[in-house]
Amino acid sequence: MSAVRKNINFPEDLLREVNSLTKKSKTDFSKFVREATKEYVNNLKKEQLQKELEEGYKAKAKLNLKISEDFKYVDGENI
Protein backbone atom coordinates (compact mmCIF):
# COMPACT_ATOMS: atom_id res chain seq x y z
CA MET A 1 0.00 0.00 0.00
CA SER A 2 1.43 3.35 -0.97
CA ALA A 3 0.97 6.40 1.20
CA VAL A 4 0.05 9.91 0.13
CA ARG A 5 0.86 12.98 2.16
CA LYS A 6 -2.05 15.36 2.81
CA ASN A 7 -2.17 18.62 4.71
CA ILE A 8 -5.15 18.94 7.02
CA ASN A 9 -6.30 21.70 9.34
CA PHE A 10 -7.41 21.07 12.92
CA PRO A 11 -9.01 23.40 15.39
CA GLU A 12 -6.43 24.02 18.12
CA ASP A 13 -8.50 22.42 20.88
CA LEU A 14 -9.05 19.22 18.86
CA LEU A 15 -5.36 19.06 17.99
CA ARG A 16 -4.43 19.37 21.67
CA GLU A 17 -6.84 16.56 22.52
CA VAL A 18 -5.50 14.29 19.77
CA ASN A 19 -1.91 15.02 20.75
CA SER A 20 -2.73 14.16 24.36
CA LEU A 21 -4.37 10.89 23.33
CA THR A 22 -1.50 9.87 21.04
CA LYS A 23 1.00 10.44 23.86
CA LYS A 24 -1.06 8.38 26.30
CA SER A 25 -1.54 5.55 23.83
CA LYS A 26 2.06 5.77 22.61
CA THR A 27 1.07 5.99 18.96
CA ASP A 28 1.97 8.54 16.35
CA PHE A 29 -0.33 11.24 15.06
CA SER A 30 -0.58 9.86 11.50
CA LYS A 31 -1.54 6.38 12.67
CA PHE A 32 -4.15 7.85 15.01
CA VAL A 33 -5.71 9.90 12.20
CA ARG A 34 -5.64 6.92 9.80
CA GLU A 35 -7.37 4.63 12.30
CA ALA A 36 -9.97 7.27 13.21
CA THR A 37 -10.66 7.88 9.52
CA LYS A 38 -11.04 4.14 8.83
CA GLU A 39 -13.51 3.81 11.69
CA TYR A 40 -15.48 6.84 10.49
CA VAL A 41 -15.64 5.51 6.92
CA ASN A 42 -16.75 2.07 8.15
CA ASN A 43 -19.50 3.66 10.25
CA LEU A 44 -20.72 5.66 7.26
CA LYS A 45 -20.80 2.49 5.13
CA LYS A 46 -22.76 0.63 7.83
CA GLU A 47 -25.29 3.47 8.08
CA GLN A 48 -25.72 3.51 4.30
CA LEU A 49 -26.18 -0.27 4.18
CA GLN A 50 -28.77 -0.11 6.98
CA LYS A 51 -30.71 2.57 5.07
CA GLU A 52 -30.60 0.51 1.88
CA LEU A 53 -31.74 -2.64 3.70
CA GLU A 54 -34.54 -0.75 5.43
CA GLU A 55 -35.77 0.62 2.09
CA GLY A 56 -35.59 -2.86 0.59
CA TYR A 57 -37.51 -4.41 3.47
CA LYS A 58 -40.18 -1.72 3.21
CA ALA A 59 -40.55 -2.32 -0.53
CA LYS A 60 -40.70 -6.08 0.03
CA ALA A 61 -43.28 -5.61 2.80
CA LYS A 62 -45.61 -3.83 0.38
CA LEU A 63 -45.25 -6.65 -2.13
CA ASN A 64 -45.80 -9.29 0.56
CA LEU A 65 -48.92 -7.49 1.77
CA LYS A 66 -50.29 -7.38 -1.78
CA ILE A 67 -49.63 -11.09 -2.27
CA SER A 68 -51.32 -11.87 1.07
CA GLU A 69 -54.34 -9.81 0.06
CA ASP A 70 -54.54 -11.63 -3.29
CA PHE A 71 -54.66 -15.04 -1.58
CA LYS A 72 -56.60 -14.30 1.58
CA TYR A 73 -59.68 -16.23 0.41
CA VAL A 74 -57.80 -19.31 -0.82
CA ASP A 75 -58.58 -22.47 1.09
CA GLY A 76 -55.34 -24.22 2.08
CA GLU A 77 -56.90 -27.69 2.09
CA ASN A 78 -56.76 -28.01 -1.69
CA ILE A 79 -53.08 -27.15 -2.09
PDB file of N, CA and C in Angstrom:
ATOM      1  N   MET A   1       0.840  -1.165   0.000  1.00  0.00           N
ATOM      2  CA  MET A   1       0.000   0.000   0.000  1.00  0.00           C
ATOM      3  C   MET A   1       0.894   1.239   0.000  1.00  0.00           C
ATOM      4  N   SER A   2       0.654   2.122  -0.940  1.00  0.00           N
ATOM      5  CA  SER A   2       1.430   3.345  -0.970  1.00  0.00           C
ATOM      6  C   SER A   2       0.737   4.417  -0.140  1.00  0.00           C
ATOM      7  N   ALA A   3       1.510   5.332   0.362  1.00  0.00           N
ATOM      8  CA  ALA A   3       0.970   6.400   1.200  1.00  0.00           C
ATOM      9  C   ALA A   3       1.048   7.720   0.447  1.00  0.00           C
ATOM     10  N   VAL A   4       0.095   8.580   0.724  1.00  0.00           N
ATOM     11  CA  VAL A   4       0.046   9.907   0.133  1.00  0.00           C
ATOM     12  C   VAL A   4       0.032  10.917   1.267  1.00  0.00           C
ATOM     13  N   ARG A   5       0.815  11.940   1.134  1.00  0.00           N
ATOM     14  CA  ARG A   5       0.855  12.982   2.163  1.00  0.00           C
ATOM     15  C   ARG A   5      -0.226  14.009   1.873  1.00  0.00           C
ATOM     16  N   LYS A   6      -1.008  14.345   2.912  1.00  0.00           N
ATOM     17  CA  LYS A   6      -2.054  15.362   2.808  1.00  0.00           C
ATOM     18  C   LYS A   6      -1.870  16.363   3.938  1.00  0.00           C
ATOM     19  N   ASN A   7      -2.156  17.602   3.659  1.00  0.00           N
ATOM     20  CA  ASN A   7      -2.171  18.622   4.706  1.00  0.00           C
ATOM     21  C   ASN A   7      -3.610  18.794   5.170  1.00  0.00           C
ATOM     22  N   ILE A   8      -3.807  18.751   6.482  1.00  0.00           N
ATOM     23  CA  ILE A   8      -5.147  18.941   7.024  1.00  0.00           C
ATOM     24  C   ILE A   8      -5.090  20.000   8.118  1.00  0.00           C
ATOM     25  N   ASN A   9      -6.198  20.668   8.310  1.00  0.00           N
ATOM     26  CA  ASN A   9      -6.296  21.696   9.340  1.00  0.00           C
ATOM     27  C   ASN A   9      -7.152  21.187  10.488  1.00  0.00           C
ATOM     28  N   PHE A  10      -6.684  21.449  11.707  1.00  0.00           N
ATOM     29  CA  PHE A  10      -7.408  21.068  12.919  1.00  0.00           C
ATOM     30  C   PHE A  10      -7.676  22.316  13.747  1.00  0.00           C
ATOM     31  N   PRO A  11      -8.832  22.372  14.363  1.00  0.00           N
ATOM     32  CA  PRO A  11      -9.015  23.403  15.386  1.00  0.00           C
ATOM     33  C   PRO A  11      -8.003  23.140  16.509  1.00  0.00           C
ATOM     34  N   GLU A  12      -7.494  24.182  17.120  1.00  0.00           N
ATOM     35  CA  GLU A  12      -6.433  24.025  18.119  1.00  0.00           C
ATOM     36  C   GLU A  12      -6.840  23.118  19.270  1.00  0.00           C
ATOM     37  N   ASP A  13      -8.088  23.245  19.745  1.00  0.00           N
ATOM     38  CA  ASP A  13      -8.504  22.420  20.881  1.00  0.00           C
ATOM     39  C   ASP A  13      -8.562  20.939  20.515  1.00  0.00           C
ATOM     40  N   LEU A  14      -9.009  20.619  19.297  1.00  0.00           N
ATOM     41  CA  LEU A  14      -9.047  19.225  18.859  1.00  0.00           C
ATOM     42  C   LEU A  14      -7.634  18.685  18.693  1.00  0.00           C
ATOM     43  N   LEU A  15      -6.745  19.487  18.157  1.00  0.00           N
ATOM     44  CA  LEU A  15      -5.356  19.062  17.986  1.00  0.00           C
ATOM     45  C   LEU A  15      -4.706  18.772  19.338  1.00  0.00           C
ATOM     46  N   ARG A  16      -4.962  19.620  20.334  1.00  0.00           N
ATOM     47  CA  ARG A  16      -4.425  19.368  21.672  1.00  0.00           C
ATOM     48  C   ARG A  16      -4.954  18.045  22.224  1.00  0.00           C
ATOM     49  N   GLU A  17      -6.232  17.799  22.012  1.00  0.00           N
ATOM     50  CA  GLU A  17      -6.837  16.561  22.518  1.00  0.00           C
ATOM     51  C   GLU A  17      -6.239  15.337  21.829  1.00  0.00           C
ATOM     52  N   VAL A  18      -6.087  15.417  20.522  1.00  0.00           N
ATOM     53  CA  VAL A  18      -5.501  14.291  19.771  1.00  0.00           C
ATOM     54  C   VAL A  18      -4.054  14.078  20.196  1.00  0.00           C
ATOM     55  N   ASN A  19      -3.305  15.146  20.318  1.00  0.00           N
ATOM     56  CA  ASN A  19      -1.908  15.017  20.749  1.00  0.00           C
ATOM     57  C   ASN A  19      -1.822  14.371  22.128  1.00  0.00           C
ATOM     58  N   SER A  20      -2.714  14.752  23.029  1.00  0.00           N
ATOM     59  CA  SER A  20      -2.728  14.157  24.362  1.00  0.00           C
ATOM     60  C   SER A  20      -3.029  12.658  24.282  1.00  0.00           C
ATOM     61  N   LEU A  21      -4.004  12.307  23.460  1.00  0.00           N
ATOM     62  CA  LEU A  21      -4.369  10.891  23.325  1.00  0.00           C
ATOM     63  C   LEU A  21      -3.256  10.077  22.683  1.00  0.00           C
ATOM     64  N   THR A  22      -2.589  10.627  21.691  1.00  0.00           N
ATOM     65  CA  THR A  22      -1.504   9.873  21.040  1.00  0.00           C
ATOM     66  C   THR A  22      -0.342   9.650  22.004  1.00  0.00           C
ATOM     67  N   LYS A  23      -0.072  10.626  22.865  1.00  0.00           N
ATOM     68  CA  LYS A  23       0.998  10.438  23.861  1.00  0.00           C
ATOM     69  C   LYS A  23       0.631   9.347  24.852  1.00  0.00           C
ATOM     70  N   LYS A  24      -0.620   9.380  25.321  1.00  0.00           N
ATOM     71  CA  LYS A  24      -1.061   8.382  26.297  1.00  0.00           C
ATOM     72  C   LYS A  24      -1.067   6.975  25.714  1.00  0.00           C
ATOM     73  N   SER A  25      -1.460   6.865  24.462  1.00  0.00           N
ATOM     74  CA  SER A  25      -1.544   5.546  23.833  1.00  0.00           C
ATOM     75  C   SER A  25      -0.238   5.148  23.140  1.00  0.00           C
ATOM     76  N   LYS A  26       0.744   6.021  23.203  1.00  0.00           N
ATOM     77  CA  LYS A  26       2.065   5.767  22.611  1.00  0.00           C
ATOM     78  C   LYS A  26       1.961   5.385  21.133  1.00  0.00           C
ATOM     79  N   THR A  27       1.182   6.163  20.412  1.00  0.00           N
ATOM     80  CA  THR A  27       1.066   5.986  18.963  1.00  0.00           C
ATOM     81  C   THR A  27       1.397   7.317  18.306  1.00  0.00           C
ATOM     82  N   ASP A  28       1.658   7.273  17.017  1.00  0.00           N
ATOM     83  CA  ASP A  28       1.967   8.537  16.348  1.00  0.00           C
ATOM     84  C   ASP A  28       0.707   9.172  15.763  1.00  0.00           C
ATOM     85  N   PHE A  29       0.801  10.442  15.515  1.00  0.00           N
ATOM     86  CA  PHE A  29      -0.333  11.236  15.059  1.00  0.00           C
ATOM     87  C   PHE A  29      -0.931  10.680  13.764  1.00  0.00           C
ATOM     88  N   SER A  30      -0.095  10.354  12.803  1.00  0.00           N
ATOM     89  CA  SER A  30      -0.580   9.857  11.503  1.00  0.00           C
ATOM     90  C   SER A  30      -1.360   8.563  11.654  1.00  0.00           C
ATOM     91  N   LYS A  31      -0.846   7.651  12.460  1.00  0.00           N
ATOM     92  CA  LYS A  31      -1.545   6.382  12.674  1.00  0.00           C
ATOM     93  C   LYS A  31      -2.890   6.631  13.342  1.00  0.00           C
ATOM     94  N   PHE A  32      -2.911   7.518  14.324  1.00  0.00           N
ATOM     95  CA  PHE A  32      -4.153   7.847  15.012  1.00  0.00           C
ATOM     96  C   PHE A  32      -5.196   8.372  14.026  1.00  0.00           C
ATOM     97  N   VAL A  33      -4.791   9.304  13.176  1.00  0.00           N
ATOM     98  CA  VAL A  33      -5.711   9.896  12.199  1.00  0.00           C
ATOM     99  C   VAL A  33      -6.170   8.848  11.192  1.00  0.00           C
ATOM    100  N   ARG A  34      -5.262   7.989  10.741  1.00  0.00           N
ATOM    101  CA  ARG A  34      -5.641   6.919   9.803  1.00  0.00           C
ATOM    102  C   ARG A  34      -6.681   5.999  10.412  1.00  0.00           C
ATOM    103  N   GLU A  35      -6.430   5.553  11.647  1.00  0.00           N
ATOM    104  CA  GLU A  35      -7.367   4.634  12.303  1.00  0.00           C
ATOM    105  C   GLU A  35      -8.716   5.298  12.553  1.00  0.00           C
ATOM    106  N   ALA A  36      -8.708   6.550  12.980  1.00  0.00           N
ATOM    107  CA  ALA A  36      -9.968   7.272  13.207  1.00  0.00           C
ATOM    108  C   ALA A  36     -10.735   7.435  11.896  1.00  0.00           C
ATOM    109  N   THR A  37     -10.017   7.713  10.831  1.00  0.00           N
ATOM    110  CA  THR A  37     -10.661   7.875   9.522  1.00  0.00           C
ATOM    111  C   THR A  37     -11.252   6.558   9.040  1.00  0.00           C
ATOM    112  N   LYS A  38     -10.521   5.466   9.209  1.00  0.00           N
ATOM    113  CA  LYS A  38     -11.039   4.142   8.826  1.00  0.00           C
ATOM    114  C   LYS A  38     -12.328   3.833   9.580  1.00  0.00           C
ATOM    115  N   GLU A  39     -12.321   4.093  10.884  1.00  0.00           N
ATOM    116  CA  GLU A  39     -13.507   3.812  11.693  1.00  0.00           C
ATOM    117  C   GLU A  39     -14.685   4.673  11.232  1.00  0.00           C
ATOM    118  N   TYR A  40     -14.431   5.934  10.948  1.00  0.00           N
ATOM    119  CA  TYR A  40     -15.481   6.837  10.494  1.00  0.00           C
ATOM    120  C   TYR A  40     -16.053   6.375   9.154  1.00  0.00           C
ATOM    121  N   VAL A  41     -15.198   5.998   8.234  1.00  0.00           N
ATOM    122  CA  VAL A  41     -15.640   5.514   6.923  1.00  0.00           C
ATOM    123  C   VAL A  41     -16.459   4.235   7.079  1.00  0.00           C
ATOM    124  N   ASN A  42     -15.997   3.317   7.916  1.00  0.00           N
ATOM    125  CA  ASN A  42     -16.749   2.074   8.148  1.00  0.00           C
ATOM    126  C   ASN A  42     -18.124   2.352   8.736  1.00  0.00           C
ATOM    127  N   ASN A  43     -18.204   3.298   9.670  1.00  0.00           N
ATOM    128  CA  ASN A  43     -19.497   3.658  10.252  1.00  0.00           C
ATOM    129  C   ASN A  43     -20.430   4.245   9.201  1.00  0.00           C
ATOM    130  N   LEU A  44     -19.898   5.091   8.327  1.00  0.00           N
ATOM    131  CA  LEU A  44     -20.724   5.659   7.256  1.00  0.00           C
ATOM    132  C   LEU A  44     -21.241   4.566   6.317  1.00  0.00           C
ATOM    133  N   LYS A  45     -20.380   3.605   6.000  1.00  0.00           N
ATOM    134  CA  LYS A  45     -20.797   2.494   5.131  1.00  0.00           C
ATOM    135  C   LYS A  45     -21.891   1.663   5.795  1.00  0.00           C
ATOM    136  N   LYS A  46     -21.744   1.401   7.093  1.00  0.00           N
ATOM    137  CA  LYS A  46     -22.762   0.631   7.826  1.00  0.00           C
ATOM    138  C   LYS A  46     -24.099   1.365   7.826  1.00  0.00           C
ATOM    139  N   GLU A  47     -24.057   2.669   8.079  1.00  0.00           N
ATOM    140  CA  GLU A  47     -25.287   3.466   8.076  1.00  0.00           C
ATOM    141  C   GLU A  47     -25.962   3.424   6.715  1.00  0.00           C
ATOM    142  N   GLN A  48     -25.162   3.545   5.648  1.00  0.00           N
ATOM    143  CA  GLN A  48     -25.720   3.506   4.298  1.00  0.00           C
ATOM    144  C   GLN A  48     -26.333   2.150   4.000  1.00  0.00           C
ATOM    145  N   LEU A  49     -25.662   1.075   4.394  1.00  0.00           N
ATOM    146  CA  LEU A  49     -26.183  -0.269   4.184  1.00  0.00           C
ATOM    147  C   LEU A  49     -27.487  -0.462   4.945  1.00  0.00           C
ATOM    148  N   GLN A  50     -27.542   0.016   6.187  1.00  0.00           N
ATOM    149  CA  GLN A  50     -28.767  -0.105   6.975  1.00  0.00           C
ATOM    150  C   GLN A  50     -29.926   0.630   6.306  1.00  0.00           C
ATOM    151  N   LYS A  51     -29.657   1.811   5.769  1.00  0.00           N
ATOM    152  CA  LYS A  51     -30.706   2.570   5.071  1.00  0.00           C
ATOM    153  C   LYS A  51     -31.187   1.809   3.841  1.00  0.00           C
ATOM    154  N   GLU A  52     -30.246   1.259   3.075  1.00  0.00           N
ATOM    155  CA  GLU A  52     -30.604   0.506   1.877  1.00  0.00           C
ATOM    156  C   GLU A  52     -31.415  -0.738   2.231  1.00  0.00           C
ATOM    157  N   LEU A  53     -31.007  -1.450   3.277  1.00  0.00           N
ATOM    158  CA  LEU A  53     -31.743  -2.644   3.701  1.00  0.00           C
ATOM    159  C   LEU A  53     -33.140  -2.271   4.180  1.00  0.00           C
ATOM    160  N   GLU A  54     -33.236  -1.198   4.936  1.00  0.00           N
ATOM    161  CA  GLU A  54     -34.541  -0.754   5.427  1.00  0.00           C
ATOM    162  C   GLU A  54     -35.471  -0.423   4.267  1.00  0.00           C
ATOM    163  N   GLU A  55     -34.962   0.288   3.268  1.00  0.00           N
ATOM    164  CA  GLU A  55     -35.774   0.619   2.094  1.00  0.00           C
ATOM    165  C   GLU A  55     -36.198  -0.647   1.353  1.00  0.00           C
ATOM    166  N   GLY A  56     -35.275  -1.599   1.254  1.00  0.00           N
ATOM    167  CA  GLY A  56     -35.585  -2.863   0.591  1.00  0.00           C
ATOM    168  C   GLY A  56     -36.644  -3.650   1.332  1.00  0.00           C
ATOM    169  N   TYR A  57     -36.517  -3.692   2.663  1.00  0.00           N
ATOM    170  CA  TYR A  57     -37.507  -4.410   3.466  1.00  0.00           C
ATOM    171  C   TYR A  57     -38.874  -3.758   3.359  1.00  0.00           C
ATOM    172  N   LYS A  58     -38.905  -2.429   3.333  1.00  0.00           N
ATOM    173  CA  LYS A  58     -40.183  -1.725   3.206  1.00  0.00           C
ATOM    174  C   LYS A  58     -40.826  -2.027   1.854  1.00  0.00           C
ATOM    175  N   ALA A  59     -40.018  -2.017   0.798  1.00  0.00           N
ATOM    176  CA  ALA A  59     -40.549  -2.321  -0.531  1.00  0.00           C
ATOM    177  C   ALA A  59     -41.052  -3.763  -0.579  1.00  0.00           C
ATOM    178  N   LYS A  60     -40.313  -4.664   0.009  1.00  0.00           N
ATOM    179  CA  LYS A  60     -40.701  -6.077   0.033  1.00  0.00           C
ATOM    180  C   LYS A  60     -41.966  -6.269   0.867  1.00  0.00           C
ATOM    181  N   ALA A  61     -42.102  -5.497   1.951  1.00  0.00           N
ATOM    182  CA  ALA A  61     -43.282  -5.612   2.798  1.00  0.00           C
ATOM    183  C   ALA A  61     -44.541  -5.243   2.021  1.00  0.00           C
ATOM    184  N   LYS A  62     -44.459  -4.227   1.197  1.00  0.00           N
ATOM    185  CA  LYS A  62     -45.615  -3.825   0.385  1.00  0.00           C
ATOM    186  C   LYS A  62     -45.996  -4.947  -0.588  1.00  0.00           C
ATOM    187  N   LEU A  63     -44.992  -5.543  -1.205  1.00  0.00           N
ATOM    188  CA  LEU A  63     -45.249  -6.646  -2.133  1.00  0.00           C
ATOM    189  C   LEU A  63     -45.848  -7.836  -1.383  1.00  0.00           C
ATOM    190  N   ASN A  64     -45.280  -8.170  -0.227  1.00  0.00           N
ATOM    191  CA  ASN A  64     -45.798  -9.294   0.562  1.00  0.00           C
ATOM    192  C   ASN A  64     -47.237  -9.052   1.002  1.00  0.00           C
ATOM    193  N   LEU A  65     -47.566  -7.831   1.376  1.00  0.00           N
ATOM    194  CA  LEU A  65     -48.920  -7.489   1.772  1.00  0.00           C
ATOM    195  C   LEU A  65     -49.876  -7.659   0.599  1.00  0.00           C
ATOM    196  N   LYS A  66     -49.456  -7.234  -0.581  1.00  0.00           N
ATOM    197  CA  LYS A  66     -50.294  -7.380  -1.776  1.00  0.00           C
ATOM    198  C   LYS A  66     -50.536  -8.854  -2.084  1.00  0.00           C
ATOM    199  N   ILE A  67     -49.488  -9.654  -2.015  1.00  0.00           N
ATOM    200  CA  ILE A  67     -49.629 -11.090  -2.269  1.00  0.00           C
ATOM    201  C   ILE A  67     -50.562 -11.716  -1.247  1.00  0.00           C
ATOM    202  N   SER A  68     -50.434 -11.341   0.017  1.00  0.00           N
ATOM    203  CA  SER A  68     -51.316 -11.867   1.065  1.00  0.00           C
ATOM    204  C   SER A  68     -52.761 -11.491   0.791  1.00  0.00           C
ATOM    205  N   GLU A  69     -52.977 -10.261   0.378  1.00  0.00           N
ATOM    206  CA  GLU A  69     -54.336  -9.812   0.063  1.00  0.00           C
ATOM    207  C   GLU A  69     -54.913 -10.605  -1.112  1.00  0.00           C
ATOM    208  N   ASP A  70     -54.082 -10.883  -2.111  1.00  0.00           N
ATOM    209  CA  ASP A  70     -54.542 -11.631  -3.289  1.00  0.00           C
ATOM    210  C   ASP A  70     -54.983 -13.048  -2.928  1.00  0.00           C
ATOM    211  N   PHE A  71     -54.379 -13.639  -1.917  1.00  0.00           N
ATOM    212  CA  PHE A  71     -54.656 -15.038  -1.577  1.00  0.00           C
ATOM    213  C   PHE A  71     -55.411 -15.210  -0.266  1.00  0.00           C
ATOM    214  N   LYS A  72     -55.981 -14.169   0.277  1.00  0.00           N
ATOM    215  CA  LYS A  72     -56.601 -14.297   1.580  1.00  0.00           C
ATOM    216  C   LYS A  72     -57.855 -15.178   1.586  1.00  0.00           C
ATOM    217  N   TYR A  73     -58.474 -15.398   0.454  1.00  0.00           N
ATOM    218  CA  TYR A  73     -59.677 -16.230   0.405  1.00  0.00           C
ATOM    219  C   TYR A  73     -59.399 -17.647  -0.106  1.00  0.00           C
ATOM    220  N   VAL A  74     -58.140 -17.976  -0.338  1.00  0.00           N
ATOM    221  CA  VAL A  74     -57.795 -19.315  -0.825  1.00  0.00           C
ATOM    222  C   VAL A  74     -57.840 -20.290   0.337  1.00  0.00           C
ATOM    223  N   ASP A  75     -58.476 -21.427   0.082  1.00  0.00           N
ATOM    224  CA  ASP A  75     -58.580 -22.474   1.090  1.00  0.00           C
ATOM    225  C   ASP A  75     -57.329 -23.355   0.996  1.00  0.00           C
ATOM    226  N   GLY A  76     -56.573 -23.472   2.075  1.00  0.00           N
ATOM    227  CA  GLY A  76     -55.342 -24.218   2.083  1.00  0.00           C
ATOM    228  C   GLY A  76     -55.508 -25.712   1.982  1.00  0.00           C
ATOM    229  N   GLU A  77     -56.705 -26.247   2.113  1.00  0.00           N
ATOM    230  CA  GLU A  77     -56.899 -27.692   2.088  1.00  0.00           C
ATOM    231  C   GLU A  77     -56.688 -28.271   0.709  1.00  0.00           C
ATOM    232  N   ASN A  78     -56.842 -27.493  -0.338  1.00  0.00           N
ATOM    233  CA  ASN A  78     -56.758 -28.013  -1.693  1.00  0.00           C
ATOM    234  C   ASN A  78     -55.364 -27.828  -2.312  1.00  0.00           C
ATOM    235  N   ILE A  79     -54.432 -27.385  -1.545  1.00  0.00           N
ATOM    236  CA  ILE A  79     -53.084 -27.151  -2.091  1.00  0.00           C
ATOM    237  C   ILE A  79     -52.296 -28.415  -2.091  1.00  0.00           C
TER     238      ILE A  79
END
